[in-house]
Amino acid sequence: METGRIIVDTSVWKKKGTPVPLTDVLIAAIAIRNNASVLTLDKHFEKITSVSPLSLYHLE
């Protein structure tokens, strides 16, 4: 998946008033490109997984 597509997909949330920070989008894009997982406490990544193949592990 291209970084640009992820950024375009996440722009929908910005219009709805629930934006995902660009830094989170870039981290997700790099992880996807490198077949890596993201380990996080950040809830924004859940939104990104709904539009991408991001592998996500949540810390609690």
N, C-alpha and C. Protein backbone atom coordinates (compact mmCIF):
# COMPACT_ATOMS: atom_id res chain seq x y z
N MET A 1 0.86 -1.18 0.00
CA MET A 1 0.00 0.00 0.00
C MET A 1 0.90 1.23 0.00
N GLU A 2 0.54 2.20 -0.80
CA GLU A 2 1.32 3.42 -0.89
C GLU A 2 1.03 4.37 0.27
N THR A 3 2.06 5.09 0.69
CA THR A 3 1.91 6.06 1.76
C THR A 3 0.83 7.07 1.42
N GLY A 4 0.82 7.53 0.18
CA GLY A 4 -0.17 8.52 -0.24
C GLY A 4 -1.59 8.04 -0.06
N ARG A 5 -1.85 6.77 -0.32
CA ARG A 5 -3.20 6.24 -0.17
C ARG A 5 -3.63 6.24 1.29
N ILE A 6 -2.71 5.89 2.18
CA ILE A 6 -3.04 5.91 3.60
C ILE A 6 -3.36 7.32 4.04
N ILE A 7 -2.56 8.29 3.59
CA ILE A 7 -2.79 9.69 3.96
C ILE A 7 -4.13 10.16 3.43
N VAL A 8 -4.48 9.80 2.20
CA VAL A 8 -5.77 10.19 1.63
C VAL A 8 -6.90 9.56 2.42
N ASP A 9 -6.78 8.28 2.75
CA ASP A 9 -7.82 7.60 3.52
C ASP A 9 -8.03 8.25 4.89
N THR A 10 -6.95 8.65 5.53
CA THR A 10 -7.08 9.24 6.86
C THR A 10 -7.59 10.67 6.83
N SER A 11 -7.57 11.31 5.67
CA SER A 11 -8.09 12.67 5.58
C SER A 11 -9.59 12.71 5.85
N VAL A 12 -10.27 11.59 5.67
CA VAL A 12 -11.70 11.50 5.96
C VAL A 12 -11.96 11.79 7.43
N TRP A 13 -11.11 11.28 8.32
CA TRP A 13 -11.29 11.51 9.75
C TRP A 13 -11.10 12.98 10.11
N LYS A 14 -10.19 13.63 9.41
CA LYS A 14 -9.96 15.06 9.67
C LYS A 14 -11.23 15.84 9.36
N LYS A 15 -11.88 15.49 8.26
CA LYS A 15 -13.13 16.17 7.88
C LYS A 15 -14.23 15.92 8.90
N LYS A 16 -14.20 14.75 9.54
CA LYS A 16 -15.21 14.41 10.55
C LYS A 16 -14.87 14.97 11.92
N GLY A 17 -13.71 15.62 12.05
CA GLY A 17 -13.32 16.21 13.32
C GLY A 17 -12.56 15.28 14.24
N THR A 18 -12.15 14.12 13.73
CA THR A 18 -11.35 13.18 14.53
C THR A 18 -10.07 12.83 13.77
N PRO A 19 -9.18 13.80 13.62
CA PRO A 19 -7.99 13.58 12.80
C PRO A 19 -6.99 12.60 13.43
N VAL A 20 -6.23 11.97 12.57
CA VAL A 20 -5.11 11.12 12.98
C VAL A 20 -3.85 11.93 12.70
N PRO A 21 -2.96 12.08 13.68
CA PRO A 21 -1.75 12.87 13.46
C PRO A 21 -0.91 12.32 12.30
N LEU A 22 -0.35 13.23 11.52
CA LEU A 22 0.47 12.84 10.38
C LEU A 22 1.63 11.95 10.82
N THR A 23 2.18 12.20 11.98
CA THR A 23 3.29 11.36 12.46
C THR A 23 2.86 9.90 12.61
N ASP A 24 1.64 9.67 13.08
CA ASP A 24 1.13 8.30 13.21
C ASP A 24 0.95 7.66 11.84
N VAL A 25 0.46 8.44 10.89
CA VAL A 25 0.26 7.94 9.53
C VAL A 25 1.61 7.56 8.92
N LEU A 26 2.61 8.39 9.11
CA LEU A 26 3.93 8.10 8.56
C LEU A 26 4.56 6.88 9.21
N ILE A 27 4.42 6.75 10.51
CA ILE A 27 4.93 5.56 11.22
C ILE A 27 4.25 4.30 10.67
N ALA A 28 2.94 4.37 10.49
CA ALA A 28 2.19 3.23 9.95
C ALA A 28 2.65 2.89 8.54
N ALA A 29 2.83 3.90 7.71
CA ALA A 29 3.26 3.67 6.33
C ALA A 29 4.64 3.01 6.28
N ILE A 30 5.54 3.47 7.12
CA ILE A 30 6.89 2.88 7.16
C ILE A 30 6.81 1.43 7.64
N ALA A 31 6.00 1.17 8.65
CA ALA A 31 5.85 -0.20 9.16
C ALA A 31 5.27 -1.12 8.08
N ILE A 32 4.24 -0.65 7.38
CA ILE A 32 3.62 -1.46 6.33
C ILE A 32 4.63 -1.75 5.23
N ARG A 33 5.36 -0.73 4.81
CA ARG A 33 6.34 -0.87 3.73
C ARG A 33 7.42 -1.89 4.08
N ASN A 34 7.75 -1.98 5.36
CA ASN A 34 8.82 -2.86 5.81
C ASN A 34 8.32 -4.15 6.46
N ASN A 35 7.03 -4.43 6.30
CA ASN A 35 6.42 -5.62 6.89
C ASN A 35 6.71 -5.73 8.39
N ALA A 36 6.62 -4.60 9.06
CA ALA A 36 6.88 -4.54 10.50
C ALA A 36 5.56 -4.30 11.24
N SER A 37 5.57 -4.62 12.51
CA SER A 37 4.41 -4.36 13.36
C SER A 37 4.67 -3.10 14.18
N VAL A 38 3.58 -2.50 14.65
CA VAL A 38 3.68 -1.33 15.53
C VAL A 38 3.18 -1.74 16.91
N LEU A 39 3.98 -1.46 17.91
CA LEU A 39 3.64 -1.72 19.30
C LEU A 39 3.36 -0.36 19.93
N THR A 40 2.14 -0.14 20.45
CA THR A 40 1.75 1.21 20.84
C THR A 40 0.71 1.25 21.95
N LEU A 41 0.61 2.40 22.56
CA LEU A 41 -0.48 2.73 23.49
C LEU A 41 -1.45 3.70 22.82
N ASP A 42 -1.09 4.18 21.64
CA ASP A 42 -1.82 5.22 20.92
C ASP A 42 -3.05 4.65 20.21
N LYS A 43 -4.23 5.18 20.51
CA LYS A 43 -5.49 4.70 19.93
C LYS A 43 -5.66 5.07 18.46
N HIS A 44 -4.91 6.07 17.96
CA HIS A 44 -5.05 6.48 16.57
C HIS A 44 -4.72 5.35 15.59
N PHE A 45 -3.82 4.47 15.99
CA PHE A 45 -3.42 3.40 15.09
C PHE A 45 -4.56 2.44 14.79
N GLU A 46 -5.53 2.32 15.68
CA GLU A 46 -6.70 1.48 15.42
C GLU A 46 -7.46 1.98 14.19
N LYS A 47 -7.57 3.29 14.05
CA LYS A 47 -8.24 3.85 12.87
C LYS A 47 -7.46 3.50 11.61
N ILE A 48 -6.15 3.58 11.69
CA ILE A 48 -5.32 3.30 10.52
C ILE A 48 -5.47 1.85 10.09
N THR A 49 -5.59 0.92 11.05
CA THR A 49 -5.75 -0.49 10.68
C THR A 49 -7.07 -0.76 9.96
N SER A 50 -8.03 0.14 10.12
CA SER A 50 -9.31 -0.07 9.42
C SER A 50 -9.21 0.22 7.92
N VAL A 51 -8.14 0.89 7.49
CA VAL A 51 -7.98 1.22 6.07
C VAL A 51 -6.66 0.70 5.50
N SER A 52 -5.95 -0.11 6.27
CA SER A 52 -4.64 -0.58 5.82
C SER A 52 -4.31 -1.94 6.42
N PRO A 53 -3.27 -2.58 5.88
CA PRO A 53 -2.86 -3.89 6.42
C PRO A 53 -1.86 -3.78 7.57
N LEU A 54 -1.89 -2.70 8.32
CA LEU A 54 -0.97 -2.50 9.43
C LEU A 54 -1.14 -3.58 10.49
N SER A 55 -0.02 -4.15 10.91
CA SER A 55 -0.01 -5.13 12.00
C SER A 55 0.21 -4.36 13.29
N LEU A 56 -0.75 -4.46 14.21
CA LEU A 56 -0.74 -3.62 15.40
C LEU A 56 -0.81 -4.46 16.67
N TYR A 57 0.00 -4.10 17.64
CA TYR A 57 -0.03 -4.69 18.98
C TYR A 57 -0.24 -3.58 19.98
N HIS A 58 -1.29 -3.69 20.77
CA HIS A 58 -1.61 -2.66 21.77
C HIS A 58 -1.04 -3.03 23.13
N LEU A 59 -0.38 -2.08 23.75
CA LEU A 59 0.07 -2.25 25.13
C LEU A 59 -1.05 -1.78 26.03
N GLU A 60 -1.15 -2.35 27.20
CA GLU A 60 -2.20 -1.91 28.13
C GLU A 60 -1.61 -1.53 29.45
